[in-house]
Each structure stands twice: as C-alpha cells, then as structure tokens.
Amino acid sequence: MADNRKIWLYCSSLSFSQAHYILRKVVGSAVARELLLDIADIVTIVAVDSRNVNDALRSSLTDFEDALQYHAVIAENPAIEAIVTRDPKGFAAGALPVLTPPAALAAVLG
C-alpha cells in the first residue's frame, strides 16, 4: 500500500539508526543496509533536528525517545493522522491517535 502511495508512511532518521544496529547483529551490516534501503524507498524519512530535541525535552510524553519521534514527524507534516507503534503507551500524552500495527492495517483495509 505504501509502495503504490495509497497510504503515506513517515519514519524518523533515528529509527533507521536503531533498526540498523539491531539488524546488523542478526543478518550482518550489508544485508541490514539492503533491507533498510527497501524500507527507505517506501517511507518519507524525517530528520530529527534541534527543534525536535527541544520540543521532546519540554513534551508531556514521558518516553524521551518516543517524544523525539513524535515531534520530528508532526513538525514534518502536521496533517499526520496517526502514530503506528508496537508500544502505544509512550505516545499516550500526544494529540494524535495511536494505533498498533494490526489496528493500523485493519483501519487501512477497512
């Protein structure tokens, strides 16, 4: 769905660093980079900048890493409709609806 732009996906650059760190331990750095290149083709990568860090530090979101993700994405596109995460608790204080991946897929497939 994202590859044919029926939906738009945003992902912070921070997520790519974290994913590479984990993937390289499992599949090696070369394969990890190939996998992340495939993902990069279907998402809009959002940079985390100093404004996002300051917003996250002042945020009511209690998980700092989640706050960084949240503020980077809403700064990039204020029209974002929802956050999709395996850990909804970290985004509970945000203004956006928070969906688990299965719930997001169900919502898209409707």
N, C-alpha and C. Protein backbone atom coordinates (compact mmCIF):
# COMPACT_ATOMS: atom_id res chain seq x y z
N MET A 1 0.81 -1.19 0.00
CA MET A 1 0.00 0.00 0.00
C MET A 1 0.86 1.26 0.00
N ALA A 2 1.92 1.27 0.80
CA ALA A 2 2.79 2.43 0.81
C ALA A 2 3.59 2.53 -0.49
N ASP A 3 3.92 1.38 -1.07
CA ASP A 3 4.72 1.42 -2.28
C ASP A 3 3.95 1.94 -3.48
N ASN A 4 2.62 1.88 -3.45
CA ASN A 4 1.84 2.48 -4.53
C ASN A 4 1.11 3.73 -4.06
N ARG A 5 1.51 4.25 -2.91
CA ARG A 5 1.05 5.53 -2.34
C ARG A 5 -0.44 5.60 -2.06
N LYS A 6 -1.02 4.47 -1.64
CA LYS A 6 -2.38 4.51 -1.12
C LYS A 6 -2.36 5.07 0.30
N ILE A 7 -1.23 4.88 0.97
CA ILE A 7 -1.02 5.48 2.28
C ILE A 7 0.36 6.12 2.26
N TRP A 8 0.59 7.06 3.16
CA TRP A 8 1.88 7.73 3.28
C TRP A 8 2.48 7.36 4.62
N LEU A 9 3.70 6.90 4.59
CA LEU A 9 4.40 6.49 5.81
C LEU A 9 5.55 7.44 6.08
N TYR A 10 5.70 7.81 7.34
CA TYR A 10 6.80 8.66 7.77
C TYR A 10 7.58 7.90 8.83
N CYS A 11 8.88 8.07 8.82
CA CYS A 11 9.74 7.38 9.77
C CYS A 11 10.91 8.31 10.08
N SER A 12 11.25 8.45 11.33
CA SER A 12 12.36 9.34 11.66
C SER A 12 13.70 8.68 11.32
N SER A 13 14.67 9.51 11.06
CA SER A 13 16.02 9.01 10.78
C SER A 13 16.56 8.21 11.96
N LEU A 14 16.13 8.57 13.14
CA LEU A 14 16.52 7.85 14.35
C LEU A 14 16.15 6.37 14.28
N SER A 15 14.99 6.08 13.70
CA SER A 15 14.54 4.69 13.57
C SER A 15 15.48 3.88 12.69
N PHE A 16 16.03 4.50 11.66
CA PHE A 16 16.94 3.79 10.77
C PHE A 16 18.22 3.42 11.51
N SER A 17 18.71 4.30 12.33
CA SER A 17 19.90 4.00 13.11
C SER A 17 19.64 2.84 14.07
N GLN A 18 18.51 2.88 14.75
CA GLN A 18 18.17 1.82 15.69
C GLN A 18 17.95 0.49 14.97
N ALA A 19 17.26 0.54 13.84
CA ALA A 19 17.00 -0.69 13.08
C ALA A 19 18.30 -1.29 12.56
N HIS A 20 19.20 -0.45 12.07
CA HIS A 20 20.48 -0.97 11.57
C HIS A 20 21.27 -1.63 12.69
N TYR A 21 21.28 -1.00 13.85
CA TYR A 21 22.00 -1.55 14.99
C TYR A 21 21.52 -2.96 15.31
N ILE A 22 20.21 -3.16 15.31
CA ILE A 22 19.65 -4.48 15.62
C ILE A 22 19.85 -5.45 14.46
N LEU A 23 19.51 -5.01 13.25
CA LEU A 23 19.60 -5.90 12.08
C LEU A 23 21.02 -6.40 11.81
N ARG A 24 22.01 -5.53 11.98
CA ARG A 24 23.37 -5.94 11.66
C ARG A 24 23.86 -7.08 12.55
N LYS A 25 23.31 -7.14 13.76
CA LYS A 25 23.67 -8.23 14.66
C LYS A 25 23.05 -9.55 14.22
N VAL A 26 21.92 -9.47 13.51
CA VAL A 26 21.19 -10.66 13.10
C VAL A 26 21.58 -11.11 11.70
N VAL A 27 21.67 -10.17 10.77
CA VAL A 27 21.89 -10.53 9.35
C VAL A 27 23.17 -9.95 8.76
N GLY A 28 23.91 -9.19 9.54
CA GLY A 28 25.12 -8.56 9.04
C GLY A 28 24.83 -7.18 8.47
N SER A 29 25.86 -6.37 8.41
CA SER A 29 25.69 -4.98 8.01
C SER A 29 25.25 -4.83 6.56
N ALA A 30 25.79 -5.61 5.65
CA ALA A 30 25.44 -5.47 4.23
C ALA A 30 23.97 -5.78 3.99
N VAL A 31 23.48 -6.87 4.56
CA VAL A 31 22.07 -7.23 4.39
C VAL A 31 21.18 -6.21 5.11
N ALA A 32 21.61 -5.76 6.27
CA ALA A 32 20.84 -4.75 7.01
C ALA A 32 20.67 -3.50 6.15
N ARG A 33 21.73 -3.08 5.50
CA ARG A 33 21.64 -1.90 4.63
C ARG A 33 20.70 -2.14 3.46
N GLU A 34 20.74 -3.32 2.87
CA GLU A 34 19.82 -3.64 1.76
C GLU A 34 18.37 -3.58 2.23
N LEU A 35 18.10 -4.16 3.38
CA LEU A 35 16.74 -4.15 3.92
C LEU A 35 16.26 -2.72 4.20
N LEU A 36 17.15 -1.92 4.78
CA LEU A 36 16.79 -0.54 5.10
C LEU A 36 16.63 0.30 3.83
N LEU A 37 17.38 -0.01 2.79
CA LEU A 37 17.18 0.68 1.51
C LEU A 37 15.79 0.38 0.95
N ASP A 38 15.34 -0.87 1.09
CA ASP A 38 14.00 -1.22 0.64
C ASP A 38 12.94 -0.43 1.41
N ILE A 39 13.13 -0.30 2.70
CA ILE A 39 12.19 0.46 3.51
C ILE A 39 12.25 1.94 3.14
N ALA A 40 13.46 2.45 2.93
CA ALA A 40 13.63 3.87 2.60
C ALA A 40 12.91 4.24 1.30
N ASP A 41 12.73 3.27 0.43
CA ASP A 41 12.02 3.52 -0.83
C ASP A 41 10.53 3.77 -0.64
N ILE A 42 9.97 3.33 0.47
CA ILE A 42 8.51 3.45 0.63
C ILE A 42 8.08 4.36 1.78
N VAL A 43 9.04 4.95 2.49
CA VAL A 43 8.68 5.87 3.57
C VAL A 43 9.32 7.23 3.30
N THR A 44 8.75 8.24 3.91
CA THR A 44 9.39 9.55 3.94
C THR A 44 10.23 9.60 5.20
N ILE A 45 11.53 9.76 5.03
CA ILE A 45 12.43 9.80 6.19
C ILE A 45 12.49 11.23 6.71
N VAL A 46 12.22 11.37 7.99
CA VAL A 46 12.16 12.66 8.64
C VAL A 46 13.38 12.83 9.54
N ALA A 47 14.10 13.91 9.35
CA ALA A 47 15.29 14.18 10.16
C ALA A 47 14.88 14.63 11.56
N VAL A 48 15.66 14.26 12.54
CA VAL A 48 15.49 14.75 13.90
C VAL A 48 16.46 15.91 14.06
N ASP A 49 15.93 17.09 14.39
CA ASP A 49 16.78 18.27 14.49
C ASP A 49 16.71 18.89 15.89
N SER A 50 17.41 19.99 16.07
CA SER A 50 17.49 20.62 17.39
C SER A 50 16.12 21.08 17.90
N ARG A 51 15.27 21.53 17.01
CA ARG A 51 13.92 21.94 17.42
C ARG A 51 13.16 20.74 17.98
N ASN A 52 13.28 19.59 17.30
CA ASN A 52 12.60 18.39 17.77
C ASN A 52 13.12 17.96 19.14
N VAL A 53 14.42 18.06 19.33
CA VAL A 53 15.01 17.70 20.63
C VAL A 53 14.45 18.61 21.72
N ASN A 54 14.43 19.92 21.46
CA ASN A 54 13.89 20.85 22.45
C ASN A 54 12.41 20.61 22.72
N ASP A 55 11.64 20.36 21.66
CA ASP A 55 10.22 20.06 21.85
C ASP A 55 10.03 18.78 22.66
N ALA A 56 10.85 17.77 22.37
CA ALA A 56 10.75 16.49 23.10
C ALA A 56 11.10 16.67 24.57
N LEU A 57 12.11 17.49 24.85
CA LEU A 57 12.50 17.73 26.24
C LEU A 57 11.41 18.44 27.02
N ARG A 58 10.62 19.25 26.36
CA ARG A 58 9.54 20.00 27.01
C ARG A 58 8.19 19.28 26.91
N SER A 59 8.17 18.16 26.28
CA SER A 59 6.94 17.44 25.97
C SER A 59 6.33 16.76 27.18
N SER A 60 5.02 16.55 27.11
CA SER A 60 4.34 15.78 28.15
C SER A 60 4.48 14.28 27.92
N LEU A 61 5.04 13.89 26.77
CA LEU A 61 5.33 12.47 26.53
C LEU A 61 6.45 12.05 27.47
N THR A 62 6.25 11.00 28.21
CA THR A 62 7.22 10.61 29.25
C THR A 62 8.42 9.85 28.70
N ASP A 63 8.26 9.18 27.58
CA ASP A 63 9.37 8.43 26.98
C ASP A 63 10.09 9.36 26.01
N PHE A 64 11.33 9.74 26.32
CA PHE A 64 12.05 10.73 25.53
C PHE A 64 12.24 10.29 24.08
N GLU A 65 12.59 9.04 23.87
CA GLU A 65 12.78 8.54 22.50
C GLU A 65 11.49 8.64 21.70
N ASP A 66 10.37 8.28 22.30
CA ASP A 66 9.08 8.41 21.63
C ASP A 66 8.76 9.88 21.37
N ALA A 67 9.09 10.73 22.32
CA ALA A 67 8.85 12.17 22.14
C ALA A 67 9.66 12.72 20.96
N LEU A 68 10.89 12.26 20.80
CA LEU A 68 11.69 12.67 19.64
C LEU A 68 11.01 12.26 18.33
N GLN A 69 10.57 11.02 18.27
CA GLN A 69 9.88 10.52 17.08
C GLN A 69 8.63 11.35 16.80
N TYR A 70 7.84 11.55 17.81
CA TYR A 70 6.57 12.26 17.69
C TYR A 70 6.78 13.68 17.17
N HIS A 71 7.68 14.41 17.81
CA HIS A 71 7.87 15.82 17.44
C HIS A 71 8.55 15.97 16.08
N ALA A 72 9.41 15.05 15.71
CA ALA A 72 10.02 15.10 14.38
C ALA A 72 8.96 14.92 13.29
N VAL A 73 8.08 13.98 13.49
CA VAL A 73 7.08 13.67 12.46
C VAL A 73 6.02 14.77 12.36
N ILE A 74 5.52 15.27 13.49
CA ILE A 74 4.49 16.30 13.39
C ILE A 74 5.06 17.62 12.89
N ALA A 75 6.35 17.86 13.12
CA ALA A 75 6.97 19.06 12.56
C ALA A 75 7.09 18.94 11.04
N GLU A 76 7.32 17.74 10.57
CA GLU A 76 7.46 17.49 9.12
C GLU A 76 6.12 17.63 8.42
N ASN A 77 5.07 17.07 9.02
CA ASN A 77 3.76 17.08 8.38
C ASN A 77 2.67 17.14 9.45
N PRO A 78 2.16 18.33 9.74
CA PRO A 78 1.13 18.46 10.77
C PRO A 78 -0.17 17.74 10.45
N ALA A 79 -0.32 17.27 9.22
CA ALA A 79 -1.55 16.56 8.83
C ALA A 79 -1.48 15.06 9.10
N ILE A 80 -0.43 14.60 9.76
CA ILE A 80 -0.31 13.18 10.10
C ILE A 80 -1.59 12.75 10.83
N GLU A 81 -2.13 11.61 10.45
CA GLU A 81 -3.40 11.16 11.02
C GLU A 81 -3.25 10.27 12.23
N ALA A 82 -2.12 9.56 12.35
CA ALA A 82 -1.98 8.63 13.47
C ALA A 82 -0.51 8.22 13.61
N ILE A 83 -0.18 7.77 14.79
CA ILE A 83 1.12 7.16 15.07
C ILE A 83 0.88 5.65 15.10
N VAL A 84 1.75 4.90 14.43
CA VAL A 84 1.67 3.44 14.45
C VAL A 84 2.90 2.93 15.20
N THR A 85 2.66 2.15 16.24
CA THR A 85 3.75 1.68 17.09
C THR A 85 3.36 0.39 17.80
N ARG A 86 4.37 -0.38 18.16
CA ARG A 86 4.12 -1.58 18.98
C ARG A 86 3.94 -1.20 20.45
N ASP A 87 4.31 0.03 20.82
CA ASP A 87 4.25 0.47 22.22
C ASP A 87 3.42 1.76 22.34
N PRO A 88 2.10 1.64 22.29
CA PRO A 88 1.25 2.83 22.32
C PRO A 88 1.38 3.68 23.59
N LYS A 89 1.80 3.07 24.71
CA LYS A 89 1.89 3.81 25.98
C LYS A 89 2.80 5.02 25.88
N GLY A 90 3.87 4.91 25.10
CA GLY A 90 4.83 6.00 25.00
C GLY A 90 4.28 7.24 24.32
N PHE A 91 3.19 7.10 23.59
CA PHE A 91 2.60 8.22 22.85
C PHE A 91 1.25 8.65 23.41
N ALA A 92 0.86 8.11 24.54
CA ALA A 92 -0.48 8.33 25.08
C ALA A 92 -0.76 9.82 25.35
N ALA A 93 0.23 10.59 25.71
CA ALA A 93 0.02 12.00 26.03
C ALA A 93 -0.01 12.89 24.78
N GLY A 94 0.23 12.32 23.62
CA GLY A 94 0.23 13.10 22.39
C GLY A 94 -1.18 13.39 21.91
N ALA A 95 -1.28 14.28 20.92
CA ALA A 95 -2.58 14.69 20.39
C ALA A 95 -3.07 13.76 19.29
N LEU A 96 -2.21 12.92 18.75
CA LEU A 96 -2.59 12.05 17.65
C LEU A 96 -3.12 10.71 18.15
N PRO A 97 -4.04 10.10 17.38
CA PRO A 97 -4.42 8.72 17.71
C PRO A 97 -3.20 7.80 17.58
N VAL A 98 -3.16 6.79 18.42
CA VAL A 98 -2.05 5.85 18.42
C VAL A 98 -2.61 4.46 18.10
N LEU A 99 -2.06 3.82 17.08
CA LEU A 99 -2.53 2.51 16.65
C LEU A 99 -1.41 1.49 16.71
N THR A 100 -1.75 0.26 17.06
CA THR A 100 -0.79 -0.83 16.91
C THR A 100 -0.73 -1.19 15.43
N PRO A 101 0.31 -1.88 14.98
CA PRO A 101 0.36 -2.26 13.56
C PRO A 101 -0.87 -3.05 13.09
N PRO A 102 -1.37 -4.05 13.86
CA PRO A 102 -2.58 -4.74 13.39
C PRO A 102 -3.79 -3.81 13.28
N ALA A 103 -3.94 -2.88 14.23
CA ALA A 103 -5.07 -1.95 14.18
C ALA A 103 -4.94 -1.00 12.99
N ALA A 104 -3.72 -0.56 12.69
CA ALA A 104 -3.50 0.33 11.54
C ALA A 104 -3.82 -0.39 10.25
N LEU A 105 -3.39 -1.62 10.14
CA LEU A 105 -3.67 -2.41 8.94
C LEU A 105 -5.17 -2.61 8.78
N ALA A 106 -5.86 -2.92 9.87
CA ALA A 106 -7.32 -3.09 9.81
C ALA A 106 -8.00 -1.79 9.40
N ALA A 107 -7.51 -0.65 9.90
CA ALA A 107 -8.10 0.64 9.54
C ALA A 107 -7.90 0.95 8.06
N VAL A 108 -6.74 0.62 7.54
CA VAL A 108 -6.43 0.90 6.12
C VAL A 108 -7.24 -0.02 5.21
N LEU A 109 -7.34 -1.28 5.60
CA LEU A 109 -8.06 -2.23 4.77
C LEU A 109 -9.57 -2.10 4.91
N GLY A 110 -9.99 -1.45 6.02
CA GLY A 110 -11.34 -1.10 6.29
C GLY A 110 -12.39 -2.06 6.16
